[in-house]
């Protein structure tokens, strides 16, 4: 033990190992009323590590060359030992990454985790979300299958609808006049090096910002306001380690069970995680009958299709799609509610949040379907198909959730927040036991 202590002292004199451990784990106090919604942040970090690890293994055998990319993926699946498992872990991880992040964001909307003093924390989180979208977009082309090729072709061409700079921007993204070998190499570099570096930096910034202002909780009140006068420890907090580390491990085990079930029994998830057309090599001369992005992009794709062209330009749809993401950055300043948590908000916010979630899910489903799948209405709607009309209704609901937020959160009737967090006897006993050990 003496040698270990000496080694620890030697390291601490040259690197803040012990102080970092205390600041971010052993002596970082989190609210003692966390519920299951607070496990998704840890799960997102777990999936990120898994994506990096499996991505590194895949790059050892993948060839970013238009003439060999699809064949190299087939080689990984058929000839590389456990290559099929690595590929399915990566593809399933990509979709479940968005699942846990969407649930993580939904928890923030429920409990007001974007409110003061966590505005910067929310902005870092939204930048992480943008990096995830870029990472998924650049990685989507790499299998060089039919859907990845034509999906990338359509999405890149959308940038061409931007006035003045659109054509040059599309050309710069592709590196050529069409999706080609140059595009594949460019996307590979962004997917493997550029975007992951930015993503890791933002994750670190997100965690540092979180531990600086402290975690939010289901009651939406600040635990740092009530501290023990003698120790300065928050009265409503318990150390993240070991209590929440153990609790997160339970969530990780459940998540890995679901993850494994998908990987081993339904890795394509009926065509939502891995499209059937992507098992066919890319053919620039044969367009698939229905081109759609992966499911986690489909709500925004529905918004794009819901907005009609203007002067034969699709720019209004592209603008609406961009605004549907950008408006999320403004959440801390749009919400004027007197309380943070949905536990103490009134029916207006609860109804608006429910409508927003329904709109997001419906738009996500519509984005996977052809626009004429439901037939057409009469000429009074300009022969618009039913799916487009429904998408326009729910697109309006999506934007009204944000645009009307300053009004309905301000007039909403709220319940008074408690001065202290509501905690069970188990949490209180754990806190007393830890303090007695100190």
Protein backbone atom coordinates (compact mmCIF):
# COMPACT_ATOMS: atom_id res chain seq x y z
CA UNK A 1 0.00 0.00 0.00
CA UNK A 2 2.89 2.33 0.72
CA UNK A 3 4.26 1.89 -2.80
CA UNK A 4 0.82 2.47 -4.32
CA UNK A 5 0.39 5.64 -2.24
CA UNK A 6 3.83 6.81 -3.30
CA UNK A 7 2.98 6.18 -6.95
CA UNK A 8 -0.31 8.07 -6.56
CA UNK A 9 1.52 11.02 -4.98
CA UNK A 10 4.11 10.97 -7.76
CA UNK A 11 1.35 11.10 -10.40
CA UNK A 12 -0.63 13.79 -8.55
CA UNK A 13 2.45 16.01 -8.47
CA UNK A 14 2.51 15.88 -12.26
CA UNK A 15 -1.11 15.26 -13.26
CA UNK A 16 -4.42 16.06 -11.45
CA UNK A 17 -5.51 12.42 -11.24
CA UNK A 18 -6.91 12.32 -7.69
CA UNK A 19 -8.46 15.78 -7.84
CA UNK A 20 -10.16 14.93 -11.15
CA UNK A 21 -11.50 11.68 -9.68
CA UNK A 22 -12.90 13.55 -6.68
CA UNK A 23 -14.34 16.45 -8.68
CA UNK A 24 -16.14 14.32 -11.26
CA UNK A 25 -16.92 11.07 -9.44
CA UNK A 26 -16.29 10.36 -5.76
CA UNK A 27 -17.06 13.88 -4.46
CA UNK A 28 -19.42 15.02 -7.21
CA UNK A 29 -22.79 15.29 -5.49
CA UNK A 30 -25.85 14.50 -7.56
CA UNK A 31 -29.47 14.93 -6.46
CA UNK A 32 -30.75 11.92 -4.56
CA UNK A 33 -34.07 11.80 -6.41
CA UNK A 34 -32.83 10.74 -9.85
CA UNK A 35 -35.21 8.39 -11.67
CA UNK A 36 -34.89 6.09 -14.68
CA UNK A 37 -34.86 9.02 -17.13
CA UNK A 38 -31.42 10.00 -15.89
CA UNK A 39 -29.73 6.81 -17.10
CA UNK A 40 -29.80 7.75 -20.79
CA UNK A 41 -26.89 10.17 -20.53
CA UNK A 42 -24.66 7.34 -19.27
CA UNK A 43 -26.02 5.04 -21.98
CA UNK A 44 -25.20 7.62 -24.65
CA UNK A 45 -21.61 7.73 -23.40
CA UNK A 46 -21.47 3.92 -23.44
CA UNK A 47 -22.74 3.72 -27.03
CA UNK A 48 -20.26 6.41 -28.12
CA UNK A 49 -17.38 4.30 -26.78
CA UNK A 50 -18.80 1.20 -28.50
CA UNK A 51 -19.13 3.07 -31.81
CA UNK A 52 -15.53 4.27 -31.65
CA UNK A 53 -14.23 0.78 -30.78
CA UNK A 54 -16.22 -1.04 -33.48
CA UNK A 55 -15.48 1.73 -36.00
CA UNK A 56 -11.74 1.29 -35.48
CA UNK A 57 -12.07 -2.46 -36.08
CA UNK A 58 -14.12 -1.89 -39.24
CA UNK A 59 -11.59 0.53 -40.73
CA UNK A 60 -8.94 -2.19 -40.51
CA UNK A 61 -10.70 -4.05 -43.36
CA UNK A 62 -12.81 -1.39 -45.10
CA UNK A 63 -11.54 0.11 -48.37
CA UNK A 64 -12.73 3.70 -49.11
CA UNK A 65 -12.68 3.14 -52.85
CA UNK A 66 -15.79 3.23 -55.04
CA UNK A 67 -14.77 0.07 -56.87
CA UNK A 68 -14.04 -1.90 -53.68
CA UNK A 69 -16.13 -0.38 -50.86
CA UNK A 70 -19.18 -2.64 -51.21
CA UNK A 71 -17.00 -5.71 -51.71
CA UNK A 72 -14.95 -4.84 -48.62
CA UNK A 73 -18.14 -4.68 -46.54
CA UNK A 74 -19.13 -8.10 -47.88
CA UNK A 75 -15.63 -9.34 -47.04
CA UNK A 76 -16.05 -8.07 -43.47
CA UNK A 77 -19.42 -9.80 -43.20
CA UNK A 78 -18.35 -13.15 -44.68
CA UNK A 79 -14.61 -13.69 -44.27
CA UNK A 80 -13.30 -11.59 -41.37
CA UNK A 81 -13.53 -13.55 -38.09
CA UNK A 82 -16.52 -12.13 -36.20
CA UNK A 83 -16.71 -9.38 -38.83
CA UNK A 84 -20.49 -9.76 -39.13
CA UNK A 85 -20.81 -9.14 -35.40
CA UNK A 86 -18.61 -6.04 -35.51
CA UNK A 87 -20.57 -4.63 -38.44
CA UNK A 88 -23.94 -5.31 -36.77
CA UNK A 89 -22.72 -3.85 -33.48
CA UNK A 90 -21.77 -0.67 -35.34
CA UNK A 91 -24.96 -0.40 -37.38
CA UNK A 92 -27.22 -1.19 -34.42
CA UNK A 93 -25.20 1.16 -32.23
CA UNK A 94 -25.78 4.00 -34.68
CA UNK A 95 -29.55 3.69 -34.36
CA UNK A 96 -29.59 3.08 -30.61
CA UNK A 97 -27.27 6.06 -30.17
CA UNK A 98 -30.06 8.24 -31.53
CA UNK A 99 -32.67 6.39 -29.47
CA UNK A 100 -30.92 7.10 -26.16
CA UNK A 101 -30.08 10.68 -27.18
CA UNK A 102 -33.69 11.40 -28.17
CA UNK A 103 -34.83 10.03 -24.79
CA UNK A 104 -32.12 12.09 -23.08
CA UNK A 105 -33.42 15.23 -24.83
CA UNK A 106 -37.01 14.35 -23.96
CA UNK A 107 -36.04 14.13 -20.29
CA UNK A 108 -34.57 17.64 -20.58
CA UNK A 109 -37.87 18.88 -21.99
CA UNK A 110 -39.82 17.26 -19.15
CA UNK A 111 -37.69 18.52 -16.28
CA UNK A 112 -36.41 21.82 -17.68
CA UNK A 113 -32.75 20.80 -17.80
CA UNK A 114 -32.09 23.54 -20.37
CA UNK A 115 -33.15 26.33 -18.01
CA UNK A 116 -30.82 28.67 -16.08
CA UNK A 117 -28.02 27.99 -15.10
CA UNK A 118 -27.73 25.19 -17.71
CA UNK A 119 -28.11 27.16 -20.93
CA UNK A 120 -24.54 26.47 -22.05
CA UNK A 121 -24.92 22.82 -21.09
CA UNK A 122 -27.94 22.61 -23.42
CA UNK A 123 -26.06 24.35 -26.23
CA UNK A 124 -23.18 21.88 -25.93
CA UNK A 125 -25.72 19.06 -26.04
CA UNK A 126 -27.31 20.44 -29.19
CA UNK A 127 -23.90 20.79 -30.84
CA UNK A 128 -23.30 17.13 -29.96
CA UNK A 129 -26.61 16.33 -31.66
CA UNK A 130 -25.53 18.19 -34.81
CA UNK A 131 -22.22 16.29 -34.81
CA UNK A 132 -24.15 13.03 -34.49
CA UNK A 133 -26.26 13.96 -37.50
CA UNK A 134 -23.15 14.83 -39.51
CA UNK A 135 -21.42 11.63 -38.41
CA UNK A 136 -24.44 9.53 -39.39
CA UNK A 137 -24.76 11.34 -42.73
CA UNK A 138 -21.12 10.87 -43.68
CA UNK A 139 -21.13 7.25 -42.56
CA UNK A 140 -24.33 6.49 -44.47
CA UNK A 141 -22.53 6.54 -47.83
CA UNK A 142 -19.67 4.26 -46.81
CA UNK A 143 -21.36 0.85 -47.41
CA UNK A 144 -21.79 1.99 -51.05
CA UNK A 145 -25.15 0.25 -51.34
CA UNK A 146 -28.08 1.40 -53.41
CA UNK A 147 -29.89 3.29 -50.66
CA UNK A 148 -26.74 4.84 -49.19
CA UNK A 149 -25.61 6.02 -52.63
CA UNK A 150 -28.94 7.50 -53.73
CA UNK A 151 -29.80 8.78 -50.26
CA UNK A 152 -26.53 10.70 -50.17
CA UNK A 153 -27.20 11.93 -53.69
CA UNK A 154 -30.58 13.36 -52.72
CA UNK A 155 -29.42 14.91 -49.44
CA UNK A 156 -26.36 16.56 -51.00
CA UNK A 157 -28.49 17.90 -53.85
CA UNK A 158 -30.72 19.61 -51.28
CA UNK A 159 -27.86 21.96 -50.48
CA UNK A 160 -28.02 23.06 -54.10
CA UNK A 161 -31.41 24.68 -53.38
CA UNK A 162 -29.75 27.31 -51.16
CA UNK A 163 -29.67 30.61 -53.11
CA UNK A 164 -26.34 31.89 -54.45
CA UNK A 165 -24.03 29.46 -52.63
CA UNK A 166 -26.02 26.24 -53.11
CA UNK A 167 -24.42 24.84 -56.29
CA UNK A 168 -20.89 25.59 -55.09
CA UNK A 169 -21.67 24.14 -51.65
CA UNK A 170 -23.00 20.91 -53.16
CA UNK A 171 -19.93 20.65 -55.38
CA UNK A 172 -17.62 21.18 -52.40
CA UNK A 173 -19.42 18.53 -50.30
CA UNK A 174 -19.30 15.97 -53.10
CA UNK A 175 -15.82 16.85 -54.33
CA UNK A 176 -17.19 16.10 -57.81
CA UNK A 177 -20.21 16.81 -59.97
CA UNK A 178 -21.83 13.52 -58.88
CA UNK A 179 -21.45 11.14 -55.96
CA UNK A 180 -18.19 9.40 -56.85
CA UNK A 181 -14.95 8.00 -55.51
CA UNK A 182 -13.89 11.50 -54.45
CA UNK A 183 -17.07 11.83 -52.38
CA UNK A 184 -16.50 8.47 -50.75
CA UNK A 185 -12.95 9.38 -49.71
CA UNK A 186 -14.09 12.76 -48.41
CA UNK A 187 -16.96 11.30 -46.40
CA UNK A 188 -14.68 8.59 -45.01
CA UNK A 189 -12.21 11.21 -43.75
CA UNK A 190 -14.99 13.22 -42.11
CA UNK A 191 -16.64 10.13 -40.60
CA UNK A 192 -13.47 8.58 -39.19
CA UNK A 193 -11.36 11.59 -38.15
CA UNK A 194 -12.86 15.08 -38.32
CA UNK A 195 -16.34 14.66 -36.84
CA UNK A 196 -15.35 12.17 -34.08
CA UNK A 197 -12.68 14.57 -32.84
CA UNK A 198 -15.23 17.39 -32.66
CA UNK A 199 -17.75 15.05 -31.03
CA UNK A 200 -15.34 13.91 -28.33
CA UNK A 201 -14.34 17.51 -27.56
CA UNK A 202 -17.99 18.53 -27.22
CA UNK A 203 -18.76 15.53 -24.97
CA UNK A 204 -15.92 16.57 -22.65
CA UNK A 205 -17.19 20.17 -22.65
CA UNK A 206 -20.72 18.91 -21.96
CA UNK A 207 -19.57 16.89 -18.94
CA UNK A 208 -17.40 19.69 -17.58
CA UNK A 209 -20.30 22.14 -17.89
CA UNK A 210 -22.62 19.63 -16.21
CA UNK A 211 -20.33 19.18 -13.22
CA UNK A 212 -19.76 22.93 -12.94
CA UNK A 213 -23.44 23.85 -12.59
CA UNK A 214 -24.60 20.53 -11.13
CA UNK A 215 -27.21 18.07 -12.31
CA UNK A 216 -30.87 18.92 -12.60
CA UNK A 217 -33.44 16.63 -10.98
CA UNK A 218 -37.10 15.62 -11.37
CA UNK A 219 -38.16 18.34 -8.92
CA UNK A 220 -36.30 20.97 -10.92
CA UNK A 221 -34.75 22.73 -7.90
CA UNK A 222 -31.10 23.49 -7.21
CA UNK A 223 -29.55 21.27 -4.54
CA UNK A 224 -26.57 23.62 -4.14
CA UNK A 225 -28.80 26.17 -2.41
CA UNK A 226 -29.21 23.95 0.65
CA UNK A 227 -25.85 22.83 2.08
CA UNK A 228 -24.64 21.43 5.38
CA UNK A 229 -23.06 24.44 7.21
CA UNK A 230 -20.30 22.26 8.65
CA UNK A 231 -19.21 20.32 5.55
CA UNK A 232 -20.58 22.38 2.66
CA UNK A 233 -22.15 19.19 1.26
CA UNK A 234 -25.58 19.60 -0.42
CA UNK A 235 -28.23 18.26 1.96
CA UNK A 236 -30.17 16.76 -0.95
CA UNK A 237 -27.18 15.21 -2.71
CA UNK A 238 -25.34 11.90 -2.61
CA UNK A 239 -21.96 11.08 -4.19
CA UNK A 240 -22.17 9.97 -7.80
CA UNK A 241 -19.73 7.19 -6.94
CA UNK A 242 -20.67 4.60 -5.82
CA UNK A 243 -24.43 5.16 -5.66
CA UNK A 244 -25.29 6.30 -9.18
CA UNK A 245 -22.49 4.30 -10.77
CA UNK A 246 -24.14 1.15 -9.41
CA UNK A 247 -27.56 2.38 -10.47
CA UNK A 248 -26.30 3.14 -13.99
CA UNK A 249 -24.77 -0.34 -14.20
CA UNK A 250 -28.26 -1.78 -13.78
CA UNK A 251 -29.45 0.38 -16.67
CA UNK A 252 -26.43 -0.66 -18.75
CA UNK A 253 -27.20 -4.36 -18.19
CA UNK A 254 -30.82 -3.91 -19.31
CA UNK A 255 -29.70 -1.85 -22.30
CA UNK A 256 -27.12 -4.44 -23.35
CA UNK A 257 -29.78 -7.16 -23.19
CA UNK A 258 -31.97 -5.18 -25.61
CA UNK A 259 -28.93 -4.29 -27.73
CA UNK A 260 -27.85 -7.94 -27.95
CA UNK A 261 -31.36 -9.12 -28.84
CA UNK A 262 -31.42 -6.72 -31.80
CA UNK A 263 -27.91 -7.60 -32.95
CA UNK A 264 -28.45 -11.36 -32.87
CA UNK A 265 -32.10 -11.65 -33.89
CA UNK A 266 -33.11 -8.56 -35.90
CA UNK A 267 -30.07 -6.47 -36.92
CA UNK A 268 -31.94 -4.83 -39.80
CA UNK A 269 -35.07 -4.16 -37.67
CA UNK A 270 -37.35 -4.73 -40.63
CA UNK A 271 -35.36 -2.39 -42.86
CA UNK A 272 -35.27 0.56 -40.47
CA UNK A 273 -31.73 0.04 -39.14
CA UNK A 274 -30.32 -1.52 -42.35
CA UNK A 275 -32.34 -0.90 -45.50
CA UNK A 276 -32.84 -3.88 -47.80
CA UNK A 277 -31.61 -1.89 -50.81
CA UNK A 278 -28.31 -1.37 -49.04
CA UNK A 279 -27.50 -5.05 -49.49
CA UNK A 280 -27.32 -4.30 -53.24
CA UNK A 281 -24.21 -2.64 -54.67
CA UNK A 282 -24.65 1.00 -55.70
CA UNK A 283 -25.76 1.42 -59.31
CA UNK A 284 -25.66 5.03 -60.59
CA UNK A 285 -27.89 4.00 -63.52
CA UNK A 286 -30.76 2.49 -61.50
CA UNK A 287 -32.68 4.65 -59.04
CA UNK A 288 -34.61 2.87 -56.24
CA UNK A 289 -38.38 3.40 -56.41
CA UNK A 290 -38.45 5.08 -52.99
CA UNK A 291 -35.50 6.97 -51.51
CA UNK A 292 -35.68 7.86 -47.81
CA UNK A 293 -33.09 8.62 -45.15
CA UNK A 294 -32.50 6.47 -42.07
CA UNK A 295 -35.31 6.61 -39.50
CA UNK A 296 -33.60 9.12 -37.17
CA UNK A 297 -33.62 11.74 -39.97
CA UNK A 298 -37.17 11.08 -41.16
CA UNK A 299 -38.98 13.68 -38.97
CA UNK A 300 -36.90 16.43 -40.57
CA UNK A 301 -37.24 14.83 -44.00
CA UNK A 302 -41.04 14.95 -43.56
CA UNK A 303 -40.82 18.66 -42.74
CA UNK A 304 -38.79 19.16 -45.94
CA UNK A 305 -41.42 17.38 -48.04
CA UNK A 306 -44.33 19.09 -46.28
CA UNK A 307 -43.30 22.59 -47.39
CA UNK A 308 -44.31 23.22 -51.01
CA UNK A 309 -41.74 24.54 -53.53
CA UNK A 310 -41.60 28.24 -54.32
CA UNK A 311 -40.79 29.33 -57.88
CA UNK A 312 -39.77 25.74 -58.67
CA UNK A 313 -37.23 25.88 -55.84
CA UNK A 314 -37.14 23.50 -52.90
CA UNK A 315 -35.37 26.12 -50.77
CA UNK A 316 -38.43 26.81 -48.51
CA UNK A 317 -38.46 23.12 -47.52
CA UNK A 318 -34.70 23.08 -46.93
CA UNK A 319 -35.03 26.25 -44.84
CA UNK A 320 -37.87 24.75 -42.77
CA UNK A 321 -35.84 21.59 -42.22
CA UNK A 322 -32.86 23.62 -41.04
CA UNK A 323 -35.00 25.81 -38.78
CA UNK A 324 -36.59 22.71 -37.20
CA UNK A 325 -33.16 21.86 -35.77
CA UNK A 326 -31.88 25.38 -35.12
CA UNK A 327 -34.97 26.32 -33.10
CA UNK A 328 -34.01 23.71 -30.52
CA UNK A 329 -30.99 25.87 -29.62
CA UNK A 330 -33.37 28.63 -28.47
CA UNK A 331 -35.22 26.55 -25.88
CA UNK A 332 -33.56 28.16 -22.80
CA UNK A 333 -34.83 31.59 -23.86
CA UNK A 334 -38.25 30.56 -25.21
CA UNK A 335 -39.41 28.93 -21.97
CA UNK A 336 -40.79 31.59 -19.60
CA UNK A 337 -42.32 29.20 -17.06
CA UNK A 338 -42.14 29.91 -13.33
CA UNK A 339 -41.01 26.33 -12.62
CA UNK A 340 -38.74 23.89 -14.41
CA UNK A 341 -40.14 20.43 -13.81
CA UNK A 342 -43.22 19.03 -15.50
CA UNK A 343 -44.29 17.82 -12.03
CA UNK A 344 -45.25 21.38 -11.12
CA UNK A 345 -46.30 22.74 -14.51
CA UNK A 346 -49.88 23.17 -15.57
CA UNK A 347 -51.95 21.51 -18.26
CA UNK A 348 -50.86 23.91 -21.02
CA UNK A 349 -47.24 22.81 -21.04
CA UNK A 350 -48.13 19.14 -20.55
CA UNK A 351 -50.55 19.29 -23.48
CA UNK A 352 -48.07 21.16 -25.68
CA UNK A 353 -45.27 18.67 -24.92
CA UNK A 354 -47.60 15.74 -25.65
CA UNK A 355 -48.62 17.30 -28.98
CA UNK A 356 -44.95 17.91 -29.84
CA UNK A 357 -43.97 14.29 -29.14
CA UNK A 358 -46.91 12.97 -31.18
CA UNK A 359 -46.01 15.32 -34.04
CA UNK A 360 -42.37 14.21 -33.97
CA UNK A 361 -43.33 10.52 -34.04
CA UNK A 362 -45.90 10.95 -36.82
CA UNK A 363 -43.46 12.98 -38.91
CA UNK A 364 -40.87 10.27 -38.34
CA UNK A 365 -43.24 7.62 -39.65
CA UNK A 366 -44.37 9.67 -42.64
CA UNK A 367 -40.76 10.23 -43.63
CA UNK A 368 -40.33 6.49 -44.20
CA UNK A 369 -43.31 6.28 -46.56
CA UNK A 370 -43.72 7.39 -50.20
CA UNK A 371 -45.68 10.63 -50.49
CA UNK A 372 -48.50 9.03 -52.52
CA UNK A 373 -48.97 6.00 -50.26
CA UNK A 374 -52.29 7.24 -48.83
CA UNK A 375 -53.91 8.38 -52.07
CA UNK A 376 -54.90 11.94 -52.92
CA UNK A 377 -57.43 14.56 -51.89
CA UNK A 378 -59.43 16.58 -54.35
CA UNK A 379 -58.41 19.61 -56.39
CA UNK A 380 -59.28 21.95 -53.53
CA UNK A 381 -55.99 20.87 -51.97
CA UNK A 382 -54.10 21.04 -55.24
CA UNK A 383 -54.18 17.23 -55.62
CA UNK A 384 -51.98 16.94 -52.54
CA UNK A 385 -51.66 13.40 -51.25
CA UNK A 386 -52.98 12.65 -47.80
CA UNK A 387 -49.58 11.91 -46.31
CA UNK A 388 -48.35 15.38 -47.35
CA UNK A 389 -51.43 17.06 -45.85
CA UNK A 390 -50.96 15.18 -42.56
CA UNK A 391 -47.26 16.07 -42.60
CA UNK A 392 -48.14 19.77 -43.05
CA UNK A 393 -50.52 19.63 -40.07
CA UNK A 394 -47.94 18.04 -37.79
CA UNK A 395 -45.15 20.29 -39.10
CA UNK A 396 -47.29 23.23 -37.99
CA UNK A 397 -47.74 21.62 -34.55
CA UNK A 398 -43.98 21.03 -34.34
CA UNK A 399 -43.14 24.70 -34.90
CA UNK A 400 -46.03 26.04 -32.80
CA UNK A 401 -44.63 24.17 -29.79
CA UNK A 402 -41.61 26.48 -29.92
CA UNK A 403 -43.11 29.68 -31.34
CA UNK A 404 -45.94 29.80 -28.79
CA UNK A 405 -43.77 28.68 -25.87
CA UNK A 406 -43.11 32.21 -24.50
CA UNK A 407 -46.88 32.69 -24.29
CA UNK A 408 -48.24 29.40 -22.93
CA UNK A 409 -45.39 28.82 -20.45
CA UNK A 410 -45.90 32.32 -19.02
CA UNK A 411 -49.66 32.05 -18.49
CA UNK A 412 -49.65 28.36 -17.49
CA UNK A 413 -50.89 27.68 -13.97
CA UNK A 414 -48.17 26.02 -11.92
CA UNK A 415 -47.87 24.33 -8.55
CA UNK A 416 -45.42 25.67 -5.95
CA UNK A 417 -42.03 23.93 -5.98
CA UNK A 418 -40.81 22.37 -2.72
CA UNK A 419 -37.78 23.88 -1.02
CA UNK A 420 -36.05 20.50 -0.81
CA UNK A 421 -36.07 17.57 -3.20
CA UNK A 422 -38.45 14.74 -2.51
CA UNK A 423 -36.42 11.65 -1.65
CA UNK A 424 -37.22 8.21 -0.36
CA UNK A 425 -35.97 6.68 2.87
CA UNK A 426 -33.41 4.58 0.99
CA UNK A 427 -31.69 7.67 -0.44
CA UNK A 428 -31.68 9.41 2.92
CA UNK A 429 -30.23 6.34 4.65
CA UNK A 430 -27.52 6.02 1.97
CA UNK A 431 -26.58 9.66 2.48
CA UNK A 432 -26.30 9.22 6.27
CA UNK A 433 -24.22 6.07 5.87
CA UNK A 434 -21.80 7.84 3.53
CA UNK A 435 -21.41 10.80 5.90
CA UNK A 436 -20.76 8.47 8.84
CA UNK A 437 -17.96 6.83 6.84
CA UNK A 438 -16.39 10.22 6.26
